[in-house]
Structures are given as structure tokens and as C-alpha cells.
Amino acid sequence: MEPRAEDEKPNEDDAVKPTSEVDKAAPDTGIDDDTGTGTDDTKIEEFRVSLLKKNKSWWKDRLKKVKPQYRLHTEKQVLQWSLLALRLGSLADAISSTILTPNYPFMTSPGNHPDSFTSTAPFEFTAALYFIPMTSMVGSAISSAFIGGWSDKYGRRPFLLLCVGVSIFGCIAKYLARGSFWGFCIVNFFNGLFSSTLTVALAYVSDVHPGRAEKDGEIGQLVGLNMLGITGGGIIAILMESTGLFTPLFVGAALNAVAFAFMFLYLVEPDESLHFTETVSEEDKVGPSTLDVKLMSNVIAGAVVDNIGSAGLYPMALAPLMFETYYGNFKVLELTPVMNETAYKWITMLLALTVVFGAAMSTPVFQWVGPAVACVAANLVTAAGISSCILIAQQIAATRGSFIGYVLFLYAINPFTVLSNLSTGPMLDRLSPHDRRGFVQGINVTVMNLARSVSPFALGAYADAVGTTWCMWTCVFISVLAAVVNAPLMFSPALAVHKAASEEHVGGEYTALDTEDTDQVHQVMQGDWVPTKLLSELNEHRFSAGLPFLLPPIRSYQEDKPNLCTLYKHSREDFEFQHFRQYYYLSLQDTPENKRRVVEHLRQSCPSKEVQKERADVIGDWCGEYLFENGYFLDGGQVNLMKQMIMLAFPRINADGEMTEQNISETTVRFAKVLNEYFLKSQPTQAAQAFRNSVVM
């Protein structure tokens, strides 16, 4: 550590003197309430307060000299503000990039609106409709292939600020180019080159979150915010429809300006000299040592065909099919349309929100049947959905009732078709060696962006040439073809659903045991990990019978070391079960008589004081070895700091040394509180994990 300059030293009278007492106000640290009283403690407290006041300015000066990059990794508040700025930038970029989406059909229909382009030559309506978003997405796809590598070399923060900053002027430039279809498209393309905020943001998350679970959660939030931004931009356009088709661009510019200022102030660049080894779960470690290029190519090829076919449902089923059937055809005949402009915009934007439901379904479905099977099934559902849309629109008269039925069907079918799009990420995750996931992600993002941007335009031009009906039936054929291309993936062992041998107990329901299962007892007494629920059920039976609890042997740290991933992987389910189990125990303590009965049973089942002390000593040795091998004693160990960390990690739940009728309920409540804290910290939300499935990291 660098010695501080003499003028930075506090007064010698302010030096903290060693004491043997702890502030009695410290909550639940295991310190008895009757310690630390008297005159000496009063003086110590007065001295501590005066020391903090005198050195407040000194600490501020020292804090200014600490590199923000270090504080990013050590201070939770700095990390939270930096990630908040990152999320705001990603959200603003998504909103501004798509804020005109609901207006595209009216912009590309000359004469339909005072702000419509006067000409979209040489394109007809459908091709022009999808050419505009294609220009932006192609620009984004091109930059995504390079910007990640550039940010590796030159830093994340400059490129994040560049993307958001350029988008401010991009929105204004698009407004100024509103008089020309081709002028608008050219500006849109160049703005798209700088619409890669999400790509760099995902790399930023990898820099600041070495933990796989934390990274998955943050990725889920970023992808979810991106989806929310896409929908939110369209809603802004709908609410501003009376002001003109292009006026919402000023809102996009303002949002980007606010995000830019916030990012400039709070976004901290990760230090490139700080390299963290990613902490991953057991499932991530069990992966291929080499990349199966052939299988990866199959996944990506299937995803490309799937994206083209899925375009038949979204957006082709909206425009041209729904737009022409329930609006355009009525306008040609100078009749009142079944669907008005505002309804079309709201339907388009709210349909995008159904992606959230598809994402929520993806995690349990992939765990149940695997991503490959889910992908093929979703391809077939997509084909059936497009076919149904054609039949509803073409075979049933265009009335208000058929229009409502068409919209409801679209909303119902879209979440299921999303599964095929979301399956690509998990499949590539399973095929990629841990050290090549970034490479695979780059290929996947670039190819998918190109496919998603070009396919609607190509299909739109095809629809203008052969007619909407033939184009939609072609999408049905392509979706079936996607199922055929993806079918071999169902038979790949790498993509099959794997369950560990012990997972037959995980999350399962156990019935009350009339007699003990000797196999289960043997498994517990081996010392291996078993579900806490299983051990609890076995000991519940012994408790009711007045028998001693089963006490699994405590292995040494070296014996447990190869299985630490298993312990960590199942921590959430164990914490969750034991936390809610305490409520059951509390229900048994509703009267003084019941408390007395429970305490008597515990005295029969709990081990003796000698055994408790012996097991505590073994656990103490285990903790010491864990701390030593995980870097906490490289400097000899900050002993008092270690003690403070242990007291905070294990607050006191019982100071009497035994369970009594007076303390059993309080002890149970305190233990449940501790377990709940660990449960909340153990794993990201399922929604975040679901959104994360659409990205490979």
C-alpha cells in the first residue's frame, strides 16, 4: 500500500487505540447486551464520534485519489450507479431507434398523410415499409461485428458514449431528412451504425460481473429493457400522432441527451488491468473442450431459416396482411375501414409485448424438453399460425368481429413462436467451450441481425411482386423447412436434457415416511450433498418418534473441494426450503403447551453438548481452510476484519446455548430471517434468466 503524505495524516491524538470492548449498540452480532457498560465505554464512544468528525474531510480527500475503476469493483453503490447509467443508455437507444415504427405504414403510403413521403420509388408499399427499418438494422449488424473488438481495445465507456451521443444528432438529422424517402433511409443507415449500445453493454456486464449468476441476471435486465424500449418508443409515437409522423424524433433526441449526461457522470470504465476469473456453475464447467463447428453451423443455419419463416407471423401478418385486409382495401373503395390508424399502431406495439410471455415460458420449457425439441415444435406452431392468419383474413368477411378474432389469435399464438427465436442462445451456450463463447456470440449476433433486417424487406418485395397471399404461404413453407433443418439437433447428445443422478430429489415431493428408507439414510450418512428437504423429512420422522437426528458426517475442506460447485448450485433451493420450513415450525409453537412439547422432543433428538462442540470445531477448521485457499490470508489475514465479517454473515440467533420454551419462537424467527437473506442473494430472477436466453455470453 502506498504510504500517505505527512500532510494527509490525522492528528496523533486521533489515533485509534486498541480496545477489548465492542460497541453494545451493534445489532445481532453475538455480543451480549450486558457487556461494554461503564465509564470507559462512554469515553470510547465519545472518542469515536470526535474522530469521525475530525477526519471526515481527510477521508473525502483520500476517496478522490482512488481510481474510479477500483471503486467500481469494490463499492456496491458505485457499481449500482454505473449499471443504472448503462441501463438508461440502452433503454434510450432502443426507444429512439424504434420510435417511428408504428408510423412506417403511413410514411410509405404517398398521399395517406400530410407527412407521408411523396414517393418511395422504385419500391411498392410493402417493400418500402420494411426497407426503412432494414437500413438501420443492417447498419447495426455491420457495426456489431467490429464494435465489440474495438471496445476490448479502447474501452467500453467511449463507445457507449459515442453510440448514445451520435443518436442525439441522428434523431435530429432524420427529422431534417423527412422530405425524401431515400434521404431518410441514408441517414437512418448511418444512425444504425451507432445503434450498437446493447452489444457494448453486454460486454461491459462481463467486465464488472465475474460471477455467472450475477452476469445472467444483469443480461436479462438489459435485454428486457431493450424489449421494453422497442415497445415504449412505439407508444410515444402513438401518443404524439396528432403532432405529425416525424415529431417523436425530438423526444428520442431528448431521451438520448439525458442518458448521455447521466452516463458521462456515472458510467465508470472498467480497468483493463483487472482481470477476473469468471465464477461459473457446475453446469457451465461441464462443457465441450472444443467447438463443434458442424453442429454450431446447423444451429445458426436453422436459426436463419427460422427467422425468415417467423417474419411471416411478425411482422408480415400485421402488414401487409392485416393492414390491407382491414384498412387498405377499405380506403381503395373509399369505405370506412374496420381498423383505424390508431388501432393499428396500438396492436403493433402491444403485440411486441407478447414476447415477454414467450420469454417467461422459455426457461421451464427448455428445462422440460430441451431447447432443440422446443425449437422444432415452435417452427411447426409458427407454420400453423401463419396458415390460420391467411384463412381468417382471406376466407372470412372483413367485419369488426373477424378483425377482433384475427387480433386475438395473433396475440395468443405469438408467445409460442418466440420460443424458436429464444432457443438459439441456450443451444449455442451448450455447444461453446467456456473460452469461446464471445466468438460464438459475435457470429450469432451478426448473422441474426442481418437475417432479421433483410428478411422482412425481401418478403415485402416478394409480396409486391406475387401478392400477399402467395408470400404468406411461402412463409409457411419456410417455417416447415426450418423444422426440418433443426430436426437433427434433437438427436444431439450435447443438446439433450441432462439431469444429475441426485436431481431426482430436487424439487420433488416427499410423502411422510412410515419407516425409514435405508437407501436414503445411507445416502445422507455418506456425507454427500442431498436435498435439505430430504434430510428434513427423515429427521421429521425421527423427531416425531423421539429418536436422535441423523447427523451427516462433516467432511474436511479438501474432501469437499471437488464438490463445491454442487453445493453452490443447489444453495437456492436449500435456502428456500429451510426458510419456509421455519414457518411450519412456528405453527407448532402456537400455545405454551405446544412449545413445551416441541422443546421436549428437541432435547431427545438433538445431539449432546459434547457432540455439538465437536462438530462446531470441525466446521471451524473447514471455514479456515476455505478462507486460506480462497485468498483471505495472502497478507497473513486481517484477523479482526475476519471476525467482523463472520459476525455479519452469522448474526446471533440464540444466546442461551439451548432451546427453551421462552426462546424457541424467537430463535426460529431469527433463523428464518437469516435464511431469507441468503435465499434472496443466491440466484437471479427467472424472468431475467429467460431474457438472458436470447443472448449468448
Foldseek 3Di string as FASTA:
>chain_A
DDDDDPVLDDDPVLDDDDDPDDDLPDPQLLDDNPPQDDDVSVVNVVSVVVSCVRCVVSVVVVVVVDALLVCCQVPPVLVVLQLVLLLLLLLLLLLLLQLLLLVLLVQQPAPSDPLHAPHDPPDDRQLLSQLQNLLLLLLLLVLLLPVQVVCLVVFLLVLSLVLLVVLLVLLVLLLVQSHHSVSNSVSSNVNSNSSNSLSSSLVVLVLRALEPQSSLLSNLSSLVSSLVSNLVSLVLQLVCVVVDSSVSSNVSSVSSVVSSVSNVPRNHIHDSVDDDHRDYFPLLQPADPDFPVVVLVLLLVLLLLLLLLLVLLPPVLLPPQLCCLQPVVCVVVVHDGLDDSSNSSVLNSVLSVLLLVLLLVQVVVCLVWFLLVLLLVLLLLSLVLLVVSLCLRPVDHRHNVSSVVSSVSSSVSVSSNSSNLLSSQVLVSRRDRPVCLVVSQSVNSSSNSNSNSVSSSVLSRVCVVPNSSVSSNVSSVSSNVSSVSSVVVSVDPSRGNDDDPQCVQPPDDDDQDPDDDVVLLVVQQVQDDHAPVSLVSVQVNCLVVLAARRDHDDDALVVCVVVVSVCLVCLLSNLVVLLVVLVVVVVQLPDLVSLQVSQVSCVSHYDDPVVVVVVVVRVVNRVVVVCVVVPQCPVDHPVVVVSSVVSVLDRDLDSPSGDDSVRPNSSSVVVSVSSVVCNVVRGRDSSSSSSSSSGGD
